Amino acid sequence: GIEKVIQQSFDLSPTVGFYYHKDYQTGL
């Protein structure tokens, strides 16, 4: 008898980032 609610969405997420791989490369 308990109501189960599920919220759903479509989202757009612009992102920026970087990683550092020592002595190999840095990626932006």
mmCIF file of all heavy atoms, coordinates in Angstrom:
data_MODEL
# 
_entry.id   MODEL 
# 
loop_
_atom_site.group_PDB 
_atom_site.id 
_atom_site.type_symbol 
_atom_site.label_atom_id 
_atom_site.label_alt_id 
_atom_site.label_comp_id 
_atom_site.label_asym_id 
_atom_site.label_entity_id 
_atom_site.label_seq_id 
_atom_site.pdbx_PDB_ins_code 
_atom_site.Cartn_x 
_atom_site.Cartn_y 
_atom_site.Cartn_z 
_atom_site.occupancy 
_atom_site.B_iso_or_equiv 
_atom_site.pdbx_formal_charge 
_atom_site.auth_seq_id 
_atom_site.auth_comp_id 
_atom_site.auth_asym_id 
_atom_site.auth_atom_id 
_atom_site.pdbx_PDB_model_num 
ATOM 1   N N   . GLY A 1 1  ? 0.786  -1.228 0.000   1.00 0.00 ? 1  GLY A N   1 
ATOM 2   C CA  . GLY A 1 1  ? 0.000  0.000  0.000   1.00 0.00 ? 1  GLY A CA  1 
ATOM 3   C C   . GLY A 1 1  ? 0.818  1.278  0.000   1.00 0.00 ? 1  GLY A C   1 
ATOM 4   O O   . GLY A 1 1  ? 0.263  2.367  -0.040  1.00 0.00 ? 1  GLY A O   1 
ATOM 5   N N   . ILE A 1 2  ? 2.131  1.167  0.034   1.00 0.00 ? 2  ILE A N   1 
ATOM 6   C CA  . ILE A 1 2  ? 2.991  2.350  0.021   1.00 0.00 ? 2  ILE A CA  1 
ATOM 7   C C   . ILE A 1 2  ? 3.237  2.783  -1.420  1.00 0.00 ? 2  ILE A C   1 
ATOM 8   O O   . ILE A 1 2  ? 3.498  1.965  -2.289  1.00 0.00 ? 2  ILE A O   1 
ATOM 9   C CB  . ILE A 1 2  ? 4.328  2.057  0.740   1.00 0.00 ? 2  ILE A CB  1 
ATOM 10  C CG1 . ILE A 1 2  ? 4.072  1.731  2.211   1.00 0.00 ? 2  ILE A CG1 1 
ATOM 11  C CG2 . ILE A 1 2  ? 5.285  3.223  0.601   1.00 0.00 ? 2  ILE A CG2 1 
ATOM 12  C CD1 . ILE A 1 2  ? 5.315  1.295  2.957   1.00 0.00 ? 2  ILE A CD1 1 
ATOM 13  N N   . GLU A 1 3  ? 3.149  4.089  -1.640  1.00 0.00 ? 3  GLU A N   1 
ATOM 14  C CA  . GLU A 1 3  ? 3.376  4.625  -2.983  1.00 0.00 ? 3  GLU A CA  1 
ATOM 15  C C   . GLU A 1 3  ? 4.871  4.721  -3.255  1.00 0.00 ? 3  GLU A C   1 
ATOM 16  O O   . GLU A 1 3  ? 5.639  5.230  -2.442  1.00 0.00 ? 3  GLU A O   1 
ATOM 17  C CB  . GLU A 1 3  ? 2.732  6.003  -3.121  1.00 0.00 ? 3  GLU A CB  1 
ATOM 18  C CG  . GLU A 1 3  ? 2.877  6.580  -4.509  1.00 0.00 ? 3  GLU A CG  1 
ATOM 19  C CD  . GLU A 1 3  ? 2.242  7.955  -4.636  1.00 0.00 ? 3  GLU A CD  1 
ATOM 20  O OE1 . GLU A 1 3  ? 2.105  8.644  -3.616  1.00 0.00 ? 3  GLU A OE1 1 
ATOM 21  O OE2 . GLU A 1 3  ? 1.890  8.323  -5.758  1.00 0.00 ? 3  GLU A OE2 1 
ATOM 22  N N   . LYS A 1 4  ? 5.284  4.228  -4.402  1.00 0.00 ? 4  LYS A N   1 
ATOM 23  C CA  . LYS A 1 4  ? 6.676  4.287  -4.835  1.00 0.00 ? 4  LYS A CA  1 
ATOM 24  C C   . LYS A 1 4  ? 6.778  5.350  -5.926  1.00 0.00 ? 4  LYS A C   1 
ATOM 25  O O   . LYS A 1 4  ? 6.111  5.261  -6.949  1.00 0.00 ? 4  LYS A O   1 
ATOM 26  C CB  . LYS A 1 4  ? 7.097  2.920  -5.371  1.00 0.00 ? 4  LYS A CB  1 
ATOM 27  C CG  . LYS A 1 4  ? 8.504  2.850  -5.883  1.00 0.00 ? 4  LYS A CG  1 
ATOM 28  C CD  . LYS A 1 4  ? 8.803  1.455  -6.409  1.00 0.00 ? 4  LYS A CD  1 
ATOM 29  C CE  . LYS A 1 4  ? 10.181 1.381  -7.007  1.00 0.00 ? 4  LYS A CE  1 
ATOM 30  N NZ  . LYS A 1 4  ? 10.472 0.063  -7.568  1.00 0.00 ? 4  LYS A NZ  1 
ATOM 31  N N   . VAL A 1 5  ? 7.604  6.368  -5.690  1.00 0.00 ? 5  VAL A N   1 
ATOM 32  C CA  . VAL A 1 5  ? 7.744  7.481  -6.631  1.00 0.00 ? 5  VAL A CA  1 
ATOM 33  C C   . VAL A 1 5  ? 9.162  7.477  -7.191  1.00 0.00 ? 5  VAL A C   1 
ATOM 34  O O   . VAL A 1 5  ? 10.141 7.393  -6.453  1.00 0.00 ? 5  VAL A O   1 
ATOM 35  C CB  . VAL A 1 5  ? 7.475  8.836  -5.936  1.00 0.00 ? 5  VAL A CB  1 
ATOM 36  C CG1 . VAL A 1 5  ? 7.688  9.980  -6.910  1.00 0.00 ? 5  VAL A CG1 1 
ATOM 37  C CG2 . VAL A 1 5  ? 6.093  8.878  -5.342  1.00 0.00 ? 5  VAL A CG2 1 
ATOM 38  N N   . ILE A 1 6  ? 9.257  7.574  -8.516  1.00 0.00 ? 6  ILE A N   1 
ATOM 39  C CA  . ILE A 1 6  ? 10.552 7.665  -9.195  1.00 0.00 ? 6  ILE A CA  1 
ATOM 40  C C   . ILE A 1 6  ? 10.544 8.933  -10.039 1.00 0.00 ? 6  ILE A C   1 
ATOM 41  O O   . ILE A 1 6  ? 9.660  9.126  -10.877 1.00 0.00 ? 6  ILE A O   1 
ATOM 42  C CB  . ILE A 1 6  ? 10.815 6.435  -10.084 1.00 0.00 ? 6  ILE A CB  1 
ATOM 43  C CG1 . ILE A 1 6  ? 10.877 5.171  -9.231  1.00 0.00 ? 6  ILE A CG1 1 
ATOM 44  C CG2 . ILE A 1 6  ? 12.099 6.612  -10.874 1.00 0.00 ? 6  ILE A CG2 1 
ATOM 45  C CD1 . ILE A 1 6  ? 11.013 3.890  -10.015 1.00 0.00 ? 6  ILE A CD1 1 
ATOM 46  N N   . GLN A 1 7  ? 11.525 9.808  -9.789  1.00 0.00 ? 7  GLN A N   1 
ATOM 47  C CA  . GLN A 1 7  ? 11.683 11.008 -10.601 1.00 0.00 ? 7  GLN A CA  1 
ATOM 48  C C   . GLN A 1 7  ? 12.691 10.702 -11.703 1.00 0.00 ? 7  GLN A C   1 
ATOM 49  O O   . GLN A 1 7  ? 13.727 10.083 -11.454 1.00 0.00 ? 7  GLN A O   1 
ATOM 50  C CB  . GLN A 1 7  ? 12.186 12.165 -9.752  1.00 0.00 ? 7  GLN A CB  1 
ATOM 51  C CG  . GLN A 1 7  ? 11.225 12.615 -8.697  1.00 0.00 ? 7  GLN A CG  1 
ATOM 52  C CD  . GLN A 1 7  ? 11.816 13.717 -7.832  1.00 0.00 ? 7  GLN A CD  1 
ATOM 53  O OE1 . GLN A 1 7  ? 12.961 14.132 -7.998  1.00 0.00 ? 7  GLN A OE1 1 
ATOM 54  N NE2 . GLN A 1 7  ? 11.025 14.199 -6.897  1.00 0.00 ? 7  GLN A NE2 1 
ATOM 55  N N   . GLN A 1 8  ? 12.380 11.150 -12.912 1.00 0.00 ? 8  GLN A N   1 
ATOM 56  C CA  . GLN A 1 8  ? 13.248 10.898 -14.058 1.00 0.00 ? 8  GLN A CA  1 
ATOM 57  C C   . GLN A 1 8  ? 13.506 12.213 -14.789 1.00 0.00 ? 8  GLN A C   1 
ATOM 58  O O   . GLN A 1 8  ? 12.658 13.110 -14.770 1.00 0.00 ? 8  GLN A O   1 
ATOM 59  C CB  . GLN A 1 8  ? 12.596 9.893  -15.001 1.00 0.00 ? 8  GLN A CB  1 
ATOM 60  C CG  . GLN A 1 8  ? 12.301 8.557  -14.329 1.00 0.00 ? 8  GLN A CG  1 
ATOM 61  C CD  . GLN A 1 8  ? 11.493 7.643  -15.212 1.00 0.00 ? 8  GLN A CD  1 
ATOM 62  O OE1 . GLN A 1 8  ? 12.020 7.120  -16.181 1.00 0.00 ? 8  GLN A OE1 1 
ATOM 63  N NE2 . GLN A 1 8  ? 10.233 7.454  -14.899 1.00 0.00 ? 8  GLN A NE2 1 
ATOM 64  N N   . SER A 1 9  ? 14.670 12.298 -15.426 1.00 0.00 ? 9  SER A N   1 
ATOM 65  C CA  . SER A 1 9  ? 14.978 13.519 -16.171 1.00 0.00 ? 9  SER A CA  1 
ATOM 66  C C   . SER A 1 9  ? 16.021 13.255 -17.240 1.00 0.00 ? 9  SER A C   1 
ATOM 67  O O   . SER A 1 9  ? 16.785 12.294 -17.156 1.00 0.00 ? 9  SER A O   1 
ATOM 68  C CB  . SER A 1 9  ? 15.470 14.621 -15.221 1.00 0.00 ? 9  SER A CB  1 
ATOM 69  O OG  . SER A 1 9  ? 16.691 14.263 -14.635 1.00 0.00 ? 9  SER A OG  1 
ATOM 70  N N   . PHE A 1 10 ? 16.016 14.130 -18.242 1.00 0.00 ? 10 PHE A N   1 
ATOM 71  C CA  . PHE A 1 10 ? 17.086 14.221 -19.227 1.00 0.00 ? 10 PHE A CA  1 
ATOM 72  C C   . PHE A 1 10 ? 17.840 15.515 -18.921 1.00 0.00 ? 10 PHE A C   1 
ATOM 73  O O   . PHE A 1 10 ? 17.223 16.577 -18.773 1.00 0.00 ? 10 PHE A O   1 
ATOM 74  C CB  . PHE A 1 10 ? 16.556 14.257 -20.657 1.00 0.00 ? 10 PHE A CB  1 
ATOM 75  C CG  . PHE A 1 10 ? 16.084 12.930 -21.157 1.00 0.00 ? 10 PHE A CG  1 
ATOM 76  C CD1 . PHE A 1 10 ? 14.744 12.721 -21.419 1.00 0.00 ? 10 PHE A CD1 1 
ATOM 77  C CD2 . PHE A 1 10 ? 16.975 11.891 -21.358 1.00 0.00 ? 10 PHE A CD2 1 
ATOM 78  C CE1 . PHE A 1 10 ? 14.301 11.495 -21.874 1.00 0.00 ? 10 PHE A CE1 1 
ATOM 79  C CE2 . PHE A 1 10 ? 16.544 10.661 -21.815 1.00 0.00 ? 10 PHE A CE2 1 
ATOM 80  C CZ  . PHE A 1 10 ? 15.204 10.462 -22.073 1.00 0.00 ? 10 PHE A CZ  1 
ATOM 81  N N   . ASP A 1 11 ? 19.167 15.427 -18.802 1.00 0.00 ? 11 ASP A N   1 
ATOM 82  C CA  . ASP A 1 11 ? 19.967 16.575 -18.402 1.00 0.00 ? 11 ASP A CA  1 
ATOM 83  C C   . ASP A 1 11 ? 21.122 16.804 -19.381 1.00 0.00 ? 11 ASP A C   1 
ATOM 84  O O   . ASP A 1 11 ? 21.659 15.858 -19.950 1.00 0.00 ? 11 ASP A O   1 
ATOM 85  C CB  . ASP A 1 11 ? 20.560 16.360 -17.010 1.00 0.00 ? 11 ASP A CB  1 
ATOM 86  C CG  . ASP A 1 11 ? 19.494 16.138 -15.955 1.00 0.00 ? 11 ASP A CG  1 
ATOM 87  O OD1 . ASP A 1 11 ? 18.525 16.907 -15.926 1.00 0.00 ? 11 ASP A OD1 1 
ATOM 88  O OD2 . ASP A 1 11 ? 19.636 15.184 -15.161 1.00 0.00 ? 11 ASP A OD2 1 
ATOM 89  N N   . LEU A 1 12 ? 21.511 18.067 -19.515 1.00 0.00 ? 12 LEU A N   1 
ATOM 90  C CA  . LEU A 1 12 ? 22.676 18.454 -20.302 1.00 0.00 ? 12 LEU A CA  1 
ATOM 91  C C   . LEU A 1 12 ? 23.677 19.085 -19.347 1.00 0.00 ? 12 LEU A C   1 
ATOM 92  O O   . LEU A 1 12 ? 23.338 20.032 -18.623 1.00 0.00 ? 12 LEU A O   1 
ATOM 93  C CB  . LEU A 1 12 ? 22.287 19.452 -21.396 1.00 0.00 ? 12 LEU A CB  1 
ATOM 94  C CG  . LEU A 1 12 ? 23.429 19.996 -22.249 1.00 0.00 ? 12 LEU A CG  1 
ATOM 95  C CD1 . LEU A 1 12 ? 24.083 18.876 -23.052 1.00 0.00 ? 12 LEU A CD1 1 
ATOM 96  C CD2 . LEU A 1 12 ? 22.922 21.097 -23.163 1.00 0.00 ? 12 LEU A CD2 1 
ATOM 97  N N   . SER A 1 13 ? 24.901 18.565 -19.326 1.00 0.00 ? 13 SER A N   1 
ATOM 98  C CA  . SER A 1 13 ? 25.922 19.037 -18.383 1.00 0.00 ? 13 SER A CA  1 
ATOM 99  C C   . SER A 1 13 ? 27.215 19.402 -19.100 1.00 0.00 ? 13 SER A C   1 
ATOM 100 O O   . SER A 1 13 ? 28.037 18.525 -19.372 1.00 0.00 ? 13 SER A O   1 
ATOM 101 C CB  . SER A 1 13 ? 26.215 17.949 -17.342 1.00 0.00 ? 13 SER A CB  1 
ATOM 102 O OG  . SER A 1 13 ? 25.062 17.580 -16.669 1.00 0.00 ? 13 SER A OG  1 
ATOM 103 N N   . PRO A 1 14 ? 27.422 20.678 -19.410 1.00 0.00 ? 14 PRO A N   1 
ATOM 104 C CA  . PRO A 1 14 ? 28.729 21.091 -19.924 1.00 0.00 ? 14 PRO A CA  1 
ATOM 105 C C   . PRO A 1 14 ? 29.767 20.954 -18.804 1.00 0.00 ? 14 PRO A C   1 
ATOM 106 O O   . PRO A 1 14 ? 29.525 21.390 -17.674 1.00 0.00 ? 14 PRO A O   1 
ATOM 107 C CB  . PRO A 1 14 ? 28.526 22.558 -20.304 1.00 0.00 ? 14 PRO A CB  1 
ATOM 108 C CG  . PRO A 1 14 ? 27.049 22.755 -20.358 1.00 0.00 ? 14 PRO A CG  1 
ATOM 109 C CD  . PRO A 1 14 ? 26.455 21.764 -19.427 1.00 0.00 ? 14 PRO A CD  1 
ATOM 110 N N   . THR A 1 15 ? 30.910 20.348 -19.106 1.00 0.00 ? 15 THR A N   1 
ATOM 111 C CA  . THR A 1 15 ? 31.945 20.124 -18.095 1.00 0.00 ? 15 THR A CA  1 
ATOM 112 C C   . THR A 1 15 ? 33.315 20.534 -18.637 1.00 0.00 ? 15 THR A C   1 
ATOM 113 O O   . THR A 1 15 ? 33.542 20.534 -19.850 1.00 0.00 ? 15 THR A O   1 
ATOM 114 C CB  . THR A 1 15 ? 32.021 18.643 -17.668 1.00 0.00 ? 15 THR A CB  1 
ATOM 115 O OG1 . THR A 1 15 ? 32.406 17.845 -18.792 1.00 0.00 ? 15 THR A OG1 1 
ATOM 116 C CG2 . THR A 1 15 ? 30.690 18.151 -17.130 1.00 0.00 ? 15 THR A CG2 1 
ATOM 117 N N   . VAL A 1 16 ? 34.206 20.862 -17.723 1.00 0.00 ? 16 VAL A N   1 
ATOM 118 C CA  . VAL A 1 16 ? 35.611 21.094 -18.041 1.00 0.00 ? 16 VAL A CA  1 
ATOM 119 C C   . VAL A 1 16 ? 36.438 20.349 -16.999 1.00 0.00 ? 16 VAL A C   1 
ATOM 120 O O   . VAL A 1 16 ? 35.999 20.167 -15.864 1.00 0.00 ? 16 VAL A O   1 
ATOM 121 C CB  . VAL A 1 16 ? 35.991 22.592 -18.054 1.00 0.00 ? 16 VAL A CB  1 
ATOM 122 C CG1 . VAL A 1 16 ? 35.300 23.325 -19.173 1.00 0.00 ? 16 VAL A CG1 1 
ATOM 123 C CG2 . VAL A 1 16 ? 35.705 23.247 -16.710 1.00 0.00 ? 16 VAL A CG2 1 
ATOM 124 N N   . GLY A 1 17 ? 37.615 19.905 -17.410 1.00 0.00 ? 17 GLY A N   1 
ATOM 125 C CA  . GLY A 1 17 ? 38.437 19.177 -16.458 1.00 0.00 ? 17 GLY A CA  1 
ATOM 126 C C   . GLY A 1 17 ? 39.848 18.968 -16.956 1.00 0.00 ? 17 GLY A C   1 
ATOM 127 O O   . GLY A 1 17 ? 40.214 19.381 -18.060 1.00 0.00 ? 17 GLY A O   1 
ATOM 128 N N   . PHE A 1 18 ? 40.629 18.324 -16.110 1.00 0.00 ? 18 PHE A N   1 
ATOM 129 C CA  . PHE A 1 18 ? 42.005 17.980 -16.467 1.00 0.00 ? 18 PHE A CA  1 
ATOM 130 C C   . PHE A 1 18 ? 42.418 16.750 -15.683 1.00 0.00 ? 18 PHE A C   1 
ATOM 131 O O   . PHE A 1 18 ? 41.803 16.376 -14.690 1.00 0.00 ? 18 PHE A O   1 
ATOM 132 C CB  . PHE A 1 18 ? 42.953 19.142 -16.174 1.00 0.00 ? 18 PHE A CB  1 
ATOM 133 C CG  . PHE A 1 18 ? 43.321 19.263 -14.719 1.00 0.00 ? 18 PHE A CG  1 
ATOM 134 C CD1 . PHE A 1 18 ? 44.471 18.658 -14.221 1.00 0.00 ? 18 PHE A CD1 1 
ATOM 135 C CD2 . PHE A 1 18 ? 42.513 19.963 -13.843 1.00 0.00 ? 18 PHE A CD2 1 
ATOM 136 C CE1 . PHE A 1 18 ? 44.801 18.761 -12.883 1.00 0.00 ? 18 PHE A CE1 1 
ATOM 137 C CE2 . PHE A 1 18 ? 42.836 20.068 -12.498 1.00 0.00 ? 18 PHE A CE2 1 
ATOM 138 C CZ  . PHE A 1 18 ? 43.987 19.461 -12.016 1.00 0.00 ? 18 PHE A CZ  1 
ATOM 139 N N   . TYR A 1 19 ? 43.488 16.109 -16.145 1.00 0.00 ? 19 TYR A N   1 
ATOM 140 C CA  . TYR A 1 19 ? 44.153 15.052 -15.385 1.00 0.00 ? 19 TYR A CA  1 
ATOM 141 C C   . TYR A 1 19 ? 45.652 15.173 -15.627 1.00 0.00 ? 19 TYR A C   1 
ATOM 142 O O   . TYR A 1 19 ? 46.103 15.748 -16.611 1.00 0.00 ? 19 TYR A O   1 
ATOM 143 C CB  . TYR A 1 19 ? 43.647 13.659 -15.766 1.00 0.00 ? 19 TYR A CB  1 
ATOM 144 C CG  . TYR A 1 19 ? 43.956 13.252 -17.177 1.00 0.00 ? 19 TYR A CG  1 
ATOM 145 C CD1 . TYR A 1 19 ? 45.158 12.644 -17.498 1.00 0.00 ? 19 TYR A CD1 1 
ATOM 146 C CD2 . TYR A 1 19 ? 43.055 13.510 -18.206 1.00 0.00 ? 19 TYR A CD2 1 
ATOM 147 C CE1 . TYR A 1 19 ? 45.463 12.297 -18.812 1.00 0.00 ? 19 TYR A CE1 1 
ATOM 148 C CE2 . TYR A 1 19 ? 43.348 13.161 -19.513 1.00 0.00 ? 19 TYR A CE2 1 
ATOM 149 C CZ  . TYR A 1 19 ? 44.546 12.555 -19.808 1.00 0.00 ? 19 TYR A CZ  1 
ATOM 150 O OH  . TYR A 1 19 ? 44.852 12.222 -21.092 1.00 0.00 ? 19 TYR A OH  1 
ATOM 151 N N   . TYR A 1 20 ? 46.426 14.614 -14.702 1.00 0.00 ? 20 TYR A N   1 
ATOM 152 C CA  . TYR A 1 20 ? 47.883 14.691 -14.773 1.00 0.00 ? 20 TYR A CA  1 
ATOM 153 C C   . TYR A 1 20 ? 48.458 13.283 -14.681 1.00 0.00 ? 20 TYR A C   1 
ATOM 154 O O   . TYR A 1 20 ? 48.247 12.588 -13.696 1.00 0.00 ? 20 TYR A O   1 
ATOM 155 C CB  . TYR A 1 20 ? 48.415 15.550 -13.626 1.00 0.00 ? 20 TYR A CB  1 
ATOM 156 C CG  . TYR A 1 20 ? 49.920 15.549 -13.501 1.00 0.00 ? 20 TYR A CG  1 
ATOM 157 C CD1 . TYR A 1 20 ? 50.710 16.152 -14.468 1.00 0.00 ? 20 TYR A CD1 1 
ATOM 158 C CD2 . TYR A 1 20 ? 50.538 14.929 -12.421 1.00 0.00 ? 20 TYR A CD2 1 
ATOM 159 C CE1 . TYR A 1 20 ? 52.092 16.153 -14.360 1.00 0.00 ? 20 TYR A CE1 1 
ATOM 160 C CE2 . TYR A 1 20 ? 51.925 14.924 -12.302 1.00 0.00 ? 20 TYR A CE2 1 
ATOM 161 C CZ  . TYR A 1 20 ? 52.686 15.531 -13.277 1.00 0.00 ? 20 TYR A CZ  1 
ATOM 162 O OH  . TYR A 1 20 ? 54.048 15.531 -13.176 1.00 0.00 ? 20 TYR A OH  1 
ATOM 163 N N   . HIS A 1 21 ? 49.158 12.880 -15.722 1.00 0.00 ? 21 HIS A N   1 
ATOM 164 C CA  . HIS A 1 21 ? 49.825 11.577 -15.767 1.00 0.00 ? 21 HIS A CA  1 
ATOM 165 C C   . HIS A 1 21 ? 51.320 11.880 -15.780 1.00 0.00 ? 21 HIS A C   1 
ATOM 166 O O   . HIS A 1 21 ? 51.863 12.293 -16.801 1.00 0.00 ? 21 HIS A O   1 
ATOM 167 C CB  . HIS A 1 21 ? 49.390 10.825 -17.026 1.00 0.00 ? 21 HIS A CB  1 
ATOM 168 C CG  . HIS A 1 21 ? 49.892 9.426  -17.093 1.00 0.00 ? 21 HIS A CG  1 
ATOM 169 N ND1 . HIS A 1 21 ? 49.301 8.480  -17.890 1.00 0.00 ? 21 HIS A ND1 1 
ATOM 170 C CD2 . HIS A 1 21 ? 50.910 8.789  -16.470 1.00 0.00 ? 21 HIS A CD2 1 
ATOM 171 C CE1 . HIS A 1 21 ? 49.952 7.331  -17.775 1.00 0.00 ? 21 HIS A CE1 1 
ATOM 172 N NE2 . HIS A 1 21 ? 50.928 7.501  -16.911 1.00 0.00 ? 21 HIS A NE2 1 
ATOM 173 N N   . LYS A 1 22 ? 51.973 11.692 -14.630 1.00 0.00 ? 22 LYS A N   1 
ATOM 174 C CA  . LYS A 1 22 ? 53.367 12.097 -14.444 1.00 0.00 ? 22 LYS A CA  1 
ATOM 175 C C   . LYS A 1 22 ? 54.281 11.522 -15.527 1.00 0.00 ? 22 LYS A C   1 
ATOM 176 O O   . LYS A 1 22 ? 54.219 10.348 -15.854 1.00 0.00 ? 22 LYS A O   1 
ATOM 177 C CB  . LYS A 1 22 ? 53.852 11.643 -13.066 1.00 0.00 ? 22 LYS A CB  1 
ATOM 178 C CG  . LYS A 1 22 ? 55.232 12.123 -12.730 1.00 0.00 ? 22 LYS A CG  1 
ATOM 179 C CD  . LYS A 1 22 ? 55.660 11.668 -11.353 1.00 0.00 ? 22 LYS A CD  1 
ATOM 180 C CE  . LYS A 1 22 ? 57.076 12.136 -11.102 1.00 0.00 ? 22 LYS A CE  1 
ATOM 181 N NZ  . LYS A 1 22 ? 57.582 11.687 -9.835  1.00 0.00 ? 22 LYS A NZ  1 
ATOM 182 N N   . ASP A 1 23 ? 55.124 12.379 -16.065 1.00 0.00 ? 23 ASP A N   1 
ATOM 183 C CA  . ASP A 1 23 ? 56.124 12.030 -17.078 1.00 0.00 ? 23 ASP A CA  1 
ATOM 184 C C   . ASP A 1 23 ? 55.525 11.486 -18.373 1.00 0.00 ? 23 ASP A C   1 
ATOM 185 O O   . ASP A 1 23 ? 56.246 10.935 -19.200 1.00 0.00 ? 23 ASP A O   1 
ATOM 186 C CB  . ASP A 1 23 ? 57.153 11.036 -16.532 1.00 0.00 ? 23 ASP A CB  1 
ATOM 187 C CG  . ASP A 1 23 ? 57.968 11.622 -15.400 1.00 0.00 ? 23 ASP A CG  1 
ATOM 188 O OD1 . ASP A 1 23 ? 58.239 12.836 -15.449 1.00 0.00 ? 23 ASP A OD1 1 
ATOM 189 O OD2 . ASP A 1 23 ? 58.325 10.872 -14.472 1.00 0.00 ? 23 ASP A OD2 1 
ATOM 190 N N   . TYR A 1 24 ? 54.213 11.601 -18.556 1.00 0.00 ? 24 TYR A N   1 
ATOM 191 C CA  . TYR A 1 24 ? 53.591 11.127 -19.793 1.00 0.00 ? 24 TYR A CA  1 
ATOM 192 C C   . TYR A 1 24 ? 52.815 12.250 -20.463 1.00 0.00 ? 24 TYR A C   1 
ATOM 193 O O   . TYR A 1 24 ? 53.141 12.653 -21.568 1.00 0.00 ? 24 TYR A O   1 
ATOM 194 C CB  . TYR A 1 24 ? 52.711 9.914  -19.509 1.00 0.00 ? 24 TYR A CB  1 
ATOM 195 C CG  . TYR A 1 24 ? 52.007 9.382  -20.736 1.00 0.00 ? 24 TYR A CG  1 
ATOM 196 C CD1 . TYR A 1 24 ? 52.731 8.912  -21.822 1.00 0.00 ? 24 TYR A CD1 1 
ATOM 197 C CD2 . TYR A 1 24 ? 50.628 9.360  -20.808 1.00 0.00 ? 24 TYR A CD2 1 
ATOM 198 C CE1 . TYR A 1 24 ? 52.097 8.434  -22.956 1.00 0.00 ? 24 TYR A CE1 1 
ATOM 199 C CE2 . TYR A 1 24 ? 49.982 8.881  -21.932 1.00 0.00 ? 24 TYR A CE2 1 
ATOM 200 C CZ  . TYR A 1 24 ? 50.715 8.424  -23.000 1.00 0.00 ? 24 TYR A CZ  1 
ATOM 201 O OH  . TYR A 1 24 ? 50.078 7.963  -24.116 1.00 0.00 ? 24 TYR A OH  1 
ATOM 202 N N   . GLN A 1 25 ? 51.773 12.745 -19.790 1.00 0.00 ? 25 GLN A N   1 
ATOM 203 C CA  . GLN A 1 25 ? 50.997 13.824 -20.377 1.00 0.00 ? 25 GLN A CA  1 
ATOM 204 C C   . GLN A 1 25 ? 50.057 14.447 -19.359 1.00 0.00 ? 25 GLN A C   1 
ATOM 205 O O   . GLN A 1 25 ? 49.755 13.848 -18.333 1.00 0.00 ? 25 GLN A O   1 
ATOM 206 C CB  . GLN A 1 25 ? 50.176 13.346 -21.582 1.00 0.00 ? 25 GLN A CB  1 
ATOM 207 C CG  . GLN A 1 25 ? 49.039 12.421 -21.220 1.00 0.00 ? 25 GLN A CG  1 
ATOM 208 C CD  . GLN A 1 25 ? 48.266 11.954 -22.448 1.00 0.00 ? 25 GLN A CD  1 
ATOM 209 O OE1 . GLN A 1 25 ? 48.624 12.231 -23.575 1.00 0.00 ? 25 GLN A OE1 1 
ATOM 210 N NE2 . GLN A 1 25 ? 47.184 11.234 -22.219 1.00 0.00 ? 25 GLN A NE2 1 
ATOM 211 N N   . THR A 1 26 ? 49.620 15.656 -19.672 1.00 0.00 ? 26 THR A N   1 
ATOM 212 C CA  . THR A 1 26 ? 48.548 16.325 -18.949 1.00 0.00 ? 26 THR A CA  1 
ATOM 213 C C   . THR A 1 26 ? 47.439 16.551 -19.959 1.00 0.00 ? 26 THR A C   1 
ATOM 214 O O   . THR A 1 26 ? 47.698 17.001 -21.077 1.00 0.00 ? 26 THR A O   1 
ATOM 215 C CB  . THR A 1 26 ? 49.024 17.671 -18.374 1.00 0.00 ? 26 THR A CB  1 
ATOM 216 O OG1 . THR A 1 26 ? 50.080 17.412 -17.445 1.00 0.00 ? 26 THR A OG1 1 
ATOM 217 C CG2 . THR A 1 26 ? 47.896 18.394 -17.665 1.00 0.00 ? 26 THR A CG2 1 
ATOM 218 N N   . GLY A 1 27 ? 46.218 16.224 -19.592 1.00 0.00 ? 27 GLY A N   1 
ATOM 219 C CA  . GLY A 1 27 ? 45.090 16.385 -20.501 1.00 0.00 ? 27 GLY A CA  1 
ATOM 220 C C   . GLY A 1 27 ? 44.114 17.420 -19.975 1.00 0.00 ? 27 GLY A C   1 
ATOM 221 O O   . GLY A 1 27 ? 43.742 17.385 -18.794 1.00 0.00 ? 27 GLY A O   1 
ATOM 222 N N   . LEU A 1 28 ? 43.711 18.358 -20.825 1.00 0.00 ? 28 LEU A N   1 
ATOM 223 C CA  . LEU A 1 28 ? 42.668 19.335 -20.528 1.00 0.00 ? 28 LEU A CA  1 
ATOM 224 C C   . LEU A 1 28 ? 41.509 19.062 -21.468 1.00 0.00 ? 28 LEU A C   1 
ATOM 225 O O   . LEU A 1 28 ? 41.718 18.823 -22.660 1.00 0.00 ? 28 LEU A O   1 
ATOM 226 C CB  . LEU A 1 28 ? 43.174 20.763 -20.757 1.00 0.00 ? 28 LEU A CB  1 
ATOM 227 C CG  . LEU A 1 28 ? 44.368 21.224 -19.938 1.00 0.00 ? 28 LEU A CG  1 
ATOM 228 C CD1 . LEU A 1 28 ? 44.838 22.597 -20.412 1.00 0.00 ? 28 LEU A CD1 1 
ATOM 229 C CD2 . LEU A 1 28 ? 44.006 21.272 -18.474 1.00 0.00 ? 28 LEU A CD2 1 
# 
